[in-house]
Amino acid sequence: MGLTEEGERLLLEGGRALGLDLRPHLPAFSLLYQLLMAANQRVNLTALRTEEEVVVKHFLDSLTLLRLPLWEGPLRVLDLGTGAGFPGLPLKIVRTELEVVLLDAVRKKVAFLGEAVQALGLRGAYPLWGRAEELAHRPEHREAYDRVVARAVAPLCALSELSLPFLRVGGRMVAQKGPRVAEELKPLPRALGLLGGTLEEVRPLRLPFLEEGRALVVLSKVAPTPKAYPRRPGVPEKKPLC
């Protein structure tokens, strides 16, 4: 079963609050909801169980990325630690011209993403299984992306080491963060200096229908990342560069 009338109303109203007309995309979001709920009974894809939670905290939260003017044109985007496909799938549904690679280290989640991409008919969306610490050293991924996005993956110090090696010089990484982002920002300059990045912007916002603060942290790639980074799997989080 896809979205109910109430679910569609929430999606449309939330989209308008974000400056988006989501009516043309209702069938795709309804099917994505149906696929997610069906698969979640077999595999633990998301802890969100109600329609309202999925619409607001997955669909609309993912689309807050579009508050930034960074998505025009046929960009190559990496969704790092995508999980069940967020924010990458909603981003791809609304910005069809983007090429989106959906990276996760859990095979079952990547298998779901393959099913979802096929069912939704999303050309230019590619599920990818593996560890960021290893894939970032492969030539086909090293400094090969225009944008990297990540939501609820790791603190900014570790996340910068995982993400910046994927970005070409001039590319942007956008991290979706909660209300305590200031604590993660304080030690960040040291890590960015080592990785060839700089802090470009912190955009505060509020998610429609919720009072919780959110922030989009934009990192810019200004120089090539040294070959030593990222370090081997697990090290960026256990021993952050900050």
Protein backbone atom coordinates (compact mmCIF):
# COMPACT_ATOMS: atom_id res chain seq x y z
CA MET A 1 0.00 0.00 0.00
CA GLY A 2 1.35 3.39 -0.98
CA LEU A 3 0.82 6.75 0.67
CA THR A 4 -2.62 7.55 2.02
CA GLU A 5 -4.35 10.86 1.30
CA GLU A 6 -2.95 12.17 4.59
CA GLY A 7 0.55 11.06 3.65
CA GLU A 8 0.25 12.81 0.29
CA ARG A 9 -1.00 15.96 2.02
CA LEU A 10 1.98 15.97 4.37
CA LEU A 11 4.39 15.50 1.51
CA LEU A 12 2.86 18.27 -0.59
CA GLU A 13 2.58 20.75 2.28
CA GLY A 14 6.10 19.97 3.45
CA GLY A 15 7.38 20.34 -0.08
CA ARG A 16 5.77 23.77 -0.39
CA ALA A 17 7.44 24.80 2.87
CA LEU A 18 10.75 23.87 1.25
CA GLY A 19 9.90 25.73 -1.95
CA LEU A 20 9.19 22.55 -3.93
CA ASP A 21 6.20 21.39 -5.97
CA LEU A 22 6.16 17.66 -5.29
CA ARG A 23 2.83 16.87 -6.98
CA PRO A 24 4.50 15.49 -10.15
CA HIS A 25 6.54 13.16 -7.94
CA LEU A 26 3.70 11.79 -5.78
CA PRO A 27 3.53 8.42 -7.61
CA ALA A 28 7.26 7.84 -7.13
CA PHE A 29 7.22 8.74 -3.43
CA SER A 30 4.12 6.60 -2.89
CA LEU A 31 5.80 3.62 -4.52
CA LEU A 32 9.01 4.22 -2.56
CA TYR A 33 6.99 4.22 0.67
CA GLN A 34 5.31 0.97 -0.34
CA LEU A 35 8.61 -0.69 -1.21
CA LEU A 36 10.26 0.51 2.01
CA MET A 37 7.46 -0.71 4.28
CA ALA A 38 7.28 -4.10 2.57
CA ALA A 39 11.04 -4.66 2.68
CA ASN A 40 11.27 -3.44 6.27
CA GLN A 41 9.29 -6.47 7.36
CA ARG A 42 12.08 -8.69 6.05
CA VAL A 43 15.16 -6.54 6.66
CA ASN A 44 15.75 -3.86 9.28
CA LEU A 45 15.99 -0.87 6.94
CA THR A 46 14.56 1.87 9.14
CA ALA A 47 13.37 2.35 12.71
CA LEU A 48 10.63 4.70 11.50
CA ARG A 49 7.33 2.84 11.40
CA THR A 50 4.53 5.33 10.80
CA GLU A 51 3.65 7.02 7.53
CA GLU A 52 4.08 10.47 9.04
CA GLU A 53 7.57 9.63 10.33
CA VAL A 54 8.70 8.29 6.95
CA VAL A 55 7.28 11.25 5.01
CA VAL A 56 8.71 13.88 7.35
CA LYS A 57 11.93 12.34 8.66
CA HIS A 58 13.00 10.49 5.51
CA PHE A 59 11.42 12.11 2.45
CA LEU A 60 11.21 15.76 3.49
CA ASP A 61 14.41 15.67 5.54
CA SER A 62 16.27 14.37 2.47
CA LEU A 63 14.81 17.14 0.32
CA THR A 64 16.08 19.90 2.63
CA LEU A 65 19.29 19.52 0.60
CA LEU A 66 17.52 21.38 -2.19
CA ARG A 67 17.49 24.51 -0.05
CA LEU A 68 21.07 24.89 -1.27
CA PRO A 69 21.79 26.06 -4.85
CA LEU A 70 24.17 23.18 -5.51
CA TRP A 71 22.18 20.75 -7.63
CA GLU A 72 21.81 22.21 -11.11
CA GLY A 73 23.09 20.25 -14.07
CA PRO A 74 24.22 16.64 -14.62
CA LEU A 75 26.32 16.33 -11.49
CA ARG A 76 27.79 13.08 -10.17
CA VAL A 77 26.65 12.64 -6.57
CA LEU A 78 27.76 10.10 -3.95
CA ASP A 79 25.34 9.33 -1.11
CA LEU A 80 27.74 8.10 1.57
CA GLY A 81 26.21 5.63 4.04
CA THR A 82 22.84 5.83 2.32
CA GLY A 83 21.16 3.10 4.40
CA ALA A 84 17.68 2.64 2.93
CA GLY A 85 18.39 5.29 0.31
CA PHE A 86 18.28 8.60 2.15
CA PRO A 87 18.90 11.28 1.10
CA GLY A 88 19.93 9.87 -2.29
CA LEU A 89 16.65 8.39 -3.55
CA PRO A 90 14.43 11.45 -2.85
CA LEU A 91 17.14 13.68 -4.32
CA LYS A 92 17.23 11.56 -7.49
CA ILE A 93 13.42 11.46 -7.77
CA VAL A 94 13.17 15.25 -7.75
CA ARG A 95 16.40 16.04 -9.63
CA THR A 96 16.31 13.39 -12.34
CA GLU A 97 19.36 14.77 -14.18
CA LEU A 98 21.68 13.90 -11.30
CA GLU A 99 23.78 10.73 -11.40
CA VAL A 100 23.50 9.30 -7.89
CA VAL A 101 25.67 6.53 -6.46
CA LEU A 102 24.11 5.00 -3.32
CA LEU A 103 26.92 3.63 -1.15
CA ASP A 104 26.42 1.45 1.90
CA ALA A 105 28.45 -1.22 3.69
CA VAL A 106 25.44 -3.47 4.46
CA ARG A 107 24.69 -5.91 1.64
CA LYS A 108 21.00 -6.33 2.52
CA LYS A 109 20.42 -2.61 2.30
CA VAL A 110 22.20 -2.39 -1.04
CA ALA A 111 20.06 -5.29 -2.30
CA PHE A 112 16.93 -3.33 -1.35
CA LEU A 113 18.29 -0.27 -3.13
CA GLY A 114 18.73 -2.30 -6.30
CA GLU A 115 15.10 -3.42 -6.12
CA ALA A 116 13.90 0.12 -5.44
CA VAL A 117 15.91 1.69 -8.26
CA GLN A 118 14.53 -0.86 -10.72
CA ALA A 119 10.93 -0.52 -9.52
CA LEU A 120 11.10 3.27 -9.64
CA GLY A 121 12.73 3.26 -13.06
CA LEU A 122 15.52 5.57 -11.91
CA ARG A 123 18.07 5.80 -14.70
CA GLY A 124 21.37 7.08 -13.41
CA ALA A 125 21.00 5.71 -9.87
CA TYR A 126 23.56 3.07 -8.88
CA PRO A 127 23.60 1.07 -5.62
CA LEU A 128 27.14 0.30 -4.47
CA TRP A 129 28.27 -2.04 -1.71
CA GLY A 130 31.53 -1.45 0.14
CA ARG A 131 33.47 0.51 2.73
CA ALA A 132 34.20 4.17 2.02
CA GLU A 133 37.72 3.77 3.45
CA GLU A 134 38.51 1.23 0.72
CA LEU A 135 36.50 2.52 -2.24
CA ALA A 136 37.95 6.04 -1.91
CA HIS A 137 41.35 4.65 -2.90
CA ARG A 138 40.09 3.10 -6.15
CA PRO A 139 40.80 5.17 -9.30
CA GLU A 140 37.18 5.05 -10.49
CA HIS A 141 36.02 6.72 -7.27
CA ARG A 142 39.01 8.78 -6.14
CA GLU A 143 38.22 12.49 -6.58
CA ALA A 144 35.54 11.49 -9.11
CA TYR A 145 32.41 13.16 -7.68
CA ASP A 146 30.97 16.66 -7.88
CA ARG A 147 28.97 16.28 -4.68
CA VAL A 148 28.97 13.98 -1.64
CA VAL A 149 25.99 13.89 0.72
CA ALA A 150 25.67 12.16 4.07
CA ARG A 151 23.03 11.93 6.76
CA ALA A 152 23.51 10.44 10.25
CA VAL A 153 26.78 8.71 9.24
CA ALA A 154 29.50 9.99 11.60
CA PRO A 155 30.72 13.12 13.43
CA LEU A 156 32.08 15.78 11.08
CA CYS A 157 35.75 15.06 11.80
CA ALA A 158 35.43 11.42 10.75
CA LEU A 159 32.94 12.24 8.02
CA SER A 160 35.29 14.72 6.38
CA GLU A 161 37.99 12.05 6.13
CA LEU A 162 35.52 9.58 4.64
CA SER A 163 33.98 11.99 2.15
CA LEU A 164 36.57 14.48 0.89
CA PRO A 165 38.75 11.88 -0.90
CA PHE A 166 35.78 11.15 -3.20
CA LEU A 167 35.40 14.79 -4.24
CA ARG A 168 37.07 16.44 -7.19
CA VAL A 169 38.73 19.78 -6.43
CA GLY A 170 35.95 22.35 -6.56
CA GLY A 171 33.32 19.84 -5.42
CA ARG A 172 31.12 20.15 -2.33
CA MET A 173 30.25 17.81 0.50
CA VAL A 174 26.94 18.42 2.33
CA ALA A 175 26.37 16.86 5.76
CA GLN A 176 22.89 16.88 7.25
CA LYS A 177 23.20 17.56 10.96
CA GLY A 178 21.01 18.10 14.02
CA PRO A 179 20.82 20.89 16.60
CA ARG A 180 24.18 20.12 18.27
CA VAL A 181 26.25 20.74 15.17
CA ALA A 182 28.28 23.52 16.83
CA GLU A 183 30.09 20.95 18.99
CA GLU A 184 31.29 19.11 15.88
CA LEU A 185 32.37 22.29 14.09
CA LYS A 186 34.84 23.55 16.70
CA PRO A 187 37.68 21.06 16.06
CA LEU A 188 36.95 20.63 12.34
CA PRO A 189 39.48 23.10 10.79
CA ARG A 190 42.46 20.89 11.67
CA ALA A 191 41.01 17.89 9.83
CA LEU A 192 39.99 19.98 6.84
CA GLY A 193 43.49 21.41 6.59
CA LEU A 194 44.93 17.91 6.30
CA LEU A 195 42.34 16.73 3.78
CA GLY A 196 42.26 19.62 1.31
CA GLY A 197 38.92 20.99 2.41
CA THR A 198 37.42 24.13 3.89
CA LEU A 199 34.17 24.99 5.65
CA GLU A 200 32.02 26.92 3.18
CA GLU A 201 28.67 27.32 4.92
CA VAL A 202 26.47 26.19 7.80
CA ARG A 203 22.84 26.65 6.75
CA PRO A 204 20.36 26.42 9.67
CA LEU A 205 16.83 25.27 8.87
CA ARG A 206 13.75 23.67 10.36
CA LEU A 207 12.16 20.51 9.11
CA PRO A 208 8.49 20.99 8.18
CA PHE A 209 6.07 19.91 10.94
CA LEU A 210 8.87 19.58 13.51
CA GLU A 211 10.39 22.11 15.90
CA GLU A 212 13.81 20.47 15.94
CA GLY A 213 16.64 22.52 14.49
CA ARG A 214 18.63 21.16 11.58
CA ALA A 215 21.72 22.34 9.74
CA LEU A 216 23.32 21.69 6.37
CA VAL A 217 27.10 21.80 6.67
CA VAL A 218 28.81 22.50 3.34
CA LEU A 219 32.47 21.60 2.89
CA SER A 220 34.37 22.68 -0.21
CA LYS A 221 37.27 20.74 -1.76
CA VAL A 222 40.06 23.25 -2.44
CA ALA A 223 43.09 20.96 -2.89
CA PRO A 224 43.77 17.28 -3.62
CA THR A 225 43.51 14.97 -0.62
CA PRO A 226 46.82 13.28 0.30
CA LYS A 227 46.97 9.61 -0.70
CA ALA A 228 47.19 8.51 2.94
CA TYR A 229 43.52 9.39 3.47
CA PRO A 230 41.16 7.90 4.26
CA ARG A 231 42.94 5.57 6.63
CA ARG A 232 42.02 1.89 6.94
CA PRO A 233 38.44 0.86 7.86
CA GLY A 234 37.35 1.94 11.30
CA VAL A 235 40.28 4.26 12.01
CA PRO A 236 38.64 7.58 10.99
CA GLU A 237 35.98 7.16 13.68
CA LYS A 238 38.20 5.60 16.34
CA LYS A 239 41.03 8.12 15.89
CA PRO A 240 39.54 11.23 14.26
CA LEU A 241 41.92 13.76 12.75
CA CYS A 242 40.49 16.49 14.98
